[in-house]
C-alpha atoms as a PDB file:
ATOM      1  CA  MET A   1       5.280 -25.559  13.109  1.00  0.00           C
ATOM      2  CA  LYS A   2       5.691 -22.835  11.996  1.00  0.00           C
ATOM      3  CA  VAL A   3       3.991 -22.383   8.254  1.00  0.00           C
ATOM      4  CA  ARG A   4       1.984 -19.246   6.672  1.00  0.00           C
ATOM      5  CA  SER A   5       3.718 -16.609   8.373  1.00  0.00           C
ATOM      6  CA  ARG A   6       5.168 -14.911   5.083  1.00  0.00           C
ATOM      7  CA  LYS A   7       3.156 -12.017   3.730  1.00  0.00           C
ATOM      8  CA  PHE A   8       3.992 -11.308  -0.314  1.00  0.00           C
ATOM      9  CA  ASN A   9       3.048  -8.597  -2.512  1.00  0.00           C
ATOM     10  CA  GLY A  10       4.531  -9.499  -6.149  1.00  0.00           C
ATOM     11  CA  ARG A  11       4.087  -8.150  -9.220  1.00  0.00           C
ATOM     12  CA  CYS A  12       5.184  -8.452 -12.448  1.00  0.00           C
ATOM     13  CA  GLY A  13       7.671  -5.681 -14.027  1.00  0.00           C
ATOM     14  CA  ARG A  14       6.789  -5.361 -17.190  1.00  0.00           C
ATOM     15  CA  HIS A  15       2.578  -6.998 -17.031  1.00  0.00           C
ATOM     16  CA  LYS A  16       1.450  -4.907 -14.006  1.00  0.00           C
ATOM     17  CA  ALA A  17      -1.868  -5.831 -14.370  1.00  0.00           C
ATOM     18  CA  TYR A  18      -1.694  -9.556 -14.600  1.00  0.00           C
ATOM     19  CA  ASN A  19      -3.263 -10.797 -11.360  1.00  0.00           C
ATOM     20  CA  PRO A  20      -2.941 -14.475 -11.335  1.00  0.00           C
ATOM     21  CA  ALA A  21      -6.471 -15.513  -9.323  1.00  0.00           C
ATOM     22  CA  VAL A  22      -8.643 -13.128 -11.548  1.00  0.00           C
ATOM     23  CA  ASP A  23      -6.014 -13.812 -15.085  1.00  0.00           C
ATOM     24  CA  GLY A  24      -5.298 -16.993 -14.533  1.00  0.00           C
ATOM     25  CA  LEU A  25      -3.340 -18.920 -17.430  1.00  0.00           C
ATOM     26  CA  GLY A  26      -4.258 -17.582 -19.897  1.00  0.00           C
ATOM     27  CA  GLY A  27      -3.782 -13.670 -18.981  1.00  0.00           C
ATOM     28  CA  ILE A  28      -0.272 -14.451 -19.882  1.00  0.00           C
ATOM     29  CA  ARG A  29       0.993 -12.120 -22.212  1.00  0.00           C
ATOM     30  CA  GLY A  30       4.019 -13.693 -24.719  1.00  0.00           C
ATOM     31  CA  ALA A  31       4.870 -16.157 -22.146  1.00  0.00           C
ATOM     32  CA  CYS A  32       6.540 -13.569 -19.344  1.00  0.00           C
ATOM     33  CA  PRO A  33       8.562 -16.097 -17.146  1.00  0.00           C
ATOM     34  CA  ARG A  34       8.077 -14.004 -14.298  1.00  0.00           C
ATOM     35  CA  CYS A  35       4.007 -13.873 -14.518  1.00  0.00           C
ATOM     36  CA  GLN A  36       4.241 -17.621 -15.141  1.00  0.00           C
ATOM     37  CA  LEU A  37       6.249 -17.768 -11.435  1.00  0.00           C
ATOM     38  CA  LEU A  38       3.141 -15.523 -10.090  1.00  0.00           C
ATOM     39  CA  LEU A  39       0.380 -18.093 -11.370  1.00  0.00           C
ATOM     40  CA  GLU A  40       2.795 -20.931  -9.981  1.00  0.00           C
ATOM     41  CA  ILE A  41       3.341 -18.881  -6.917  1.00  0.00           C
ATOM     42  CA  TRP A  42      -0.292 -18.334  -6.335  1.00  0.00           C
ATOM     43  CA  GLU A  43      -1.492 -22.244  -7.393  1.00  0.00           C
ATOM     44  CA  THR A  44       0.496 -23.332  -4.868  1.00  0.00           C
ATOM     45  CA  SER A  45      -0.348 -21.653  -1.645  1.00  0.00           C
ATOM     46  CA  THR A  46      -4.047 -22.093  -2.433  1.00  0.00           C
ATOM     47  CA  ARG A  47      -2.992 -25.448  -2.376  1.00  0.00           C
ATOM     48  CA  LEU A  48      -0.910 -25.235   0.827  1.00  0.00           C
ATOM     49  CA  ASN A  49      -4.107 -23.224   1.978  1.00  0.00           C
ATOM     50  CA  GLN A  50      -6.750 -26.648   0.706  1.00  0.00           C
ATOM     51  CA  LEU A  51      -4.232 -29.174   2.743  1.00  0.00           C
ATOM     52  CA  ILE A  52      -3.867 -27.420   5.774  1.00  0.00           C
ATOM     53  CA  ARG A  53      -8.398 -26.949   6.175  1.00  0.00           C
ATOM     54  CA  LYS A  54      -8.323 -30.731   5.125  1.00  0.00           C
ATOM     55  CA  PHE A  55      -5.658 -31.589   8.118  1.00  0.00           C
ATOM     56  CA  ASN A  56      -7.332 -29.204  10.532  1.00  0.00           C
ATOM     57  CA  PRO A  57     -10.786 -28.446   9.173  1.00  0.00           C
ATOM     58  CA  THR A  58     -11.910 -26.514  12.121  1.00  0.00           C
ATOM     59  CA  LEU A  59      -9.528 -24.017  11.291  1.00  0.00           C
ATOM     60  CA  ASP A  60     -10.644 -20.813  11.259  1.00  0.00           C
ATOM     61  CA  ASP A  61      -7.427 -18.460   9.881  1.00  0.00           C
ATOM     62  CA  VAL A  62      -9.387 -15.954   8.130  1.00  0.00           C
ATOM     63  CA  ASP A  63      -9.893 -13.613  11.632  1.00  0.00           C
ATOM     64  CA  ARG A  64      -6.254 -13.329  13.426  1.00  0.00           C
ATOM     65  CA  PRO A  65      -7.243 -14.299  17.015  1.00  0.00           C
ATOM     66  CA  ARG A  66      -7.613 -10.761  19.186  1.00  0.00           C
ATOM     67  CA  PRO A  67      -5.085 -11.097  22.185  1.00  0.00           C
ATOM     68  CA  PRO A  68      -7.318 -11.255  25.931  1.00  0.00           C
ATOM     69  CA  GLU A  69      -5.997  -8.399  27.334  1.00  0.00           C
ATOM     70  CA  ALA A  70      -7.421  -6.274  24.301  1.00  0.00           C
ATOM     71  CA  LEU A  71     -10.724  -7.547  24.824  1.00  0.00           C
ATOM     72  CA  ALA A  72     -10.715  -6.567  28.408  1.00  0.00           C
ATOM     73  CA  LEU A  73     -11.653  -2.915  29.836  1.00  0.00           C
ATOM     74  CA  ASP A  74      -8.912  -0.632  31.342  1.00  0.00           C
ATOM     75  CA  PRO A  75     -10.308   0.227  34.657  1.00  0.00           C
ATOM     76  CA  ARG A  76      -8.664   3.039  34.503  1.00  0.00           C
ATOM     77  CA  GLN A  77      -9.726   4.300  31.264  1.00  0.00           C
ATOM     78  CA  MET A  78     -13.060   6.819  32.429  1.00  0.00           C
ATOM     79  CA  THR A  79     -16.073   7.102  30.196  1.00  0.00           C
ATOM     80  CA  LEU A  80     -17.417  10.311  29.101  1.00  0.00           C
ATOM     81  CA  ILE A  81     -21.062   8.552  29.135  1.00  0.00           C
ATOM     82  CA  GLU A  82     -21.503   6.632  32.079  1.00  0.00           C
ATOM     83  CA  TRP A  83     -22.703   9.649  34.890  1.00  0.00           C
ATOM     84  CA  PRO A  84     -22.071   7.923  38.799  1.00  0.00           C
END
């Protein structure tokens, strides 16, 4: 099952400085519906991450796994440091 493959960069057009992670509910001015949606999206994504970590506590999704071929050195690549 693929769940977290979407990157979302959302801002309110009227309140561009509003950040739901920092400002929270108290930072919404004038009951702006777009700011409220941003807060709801942020709270839902936080809850989703908590549930995924509860389901699999060993999951480490902070660092992206690198493919194994990127770790190996290419034997065709010459080095300028080593002398024969």
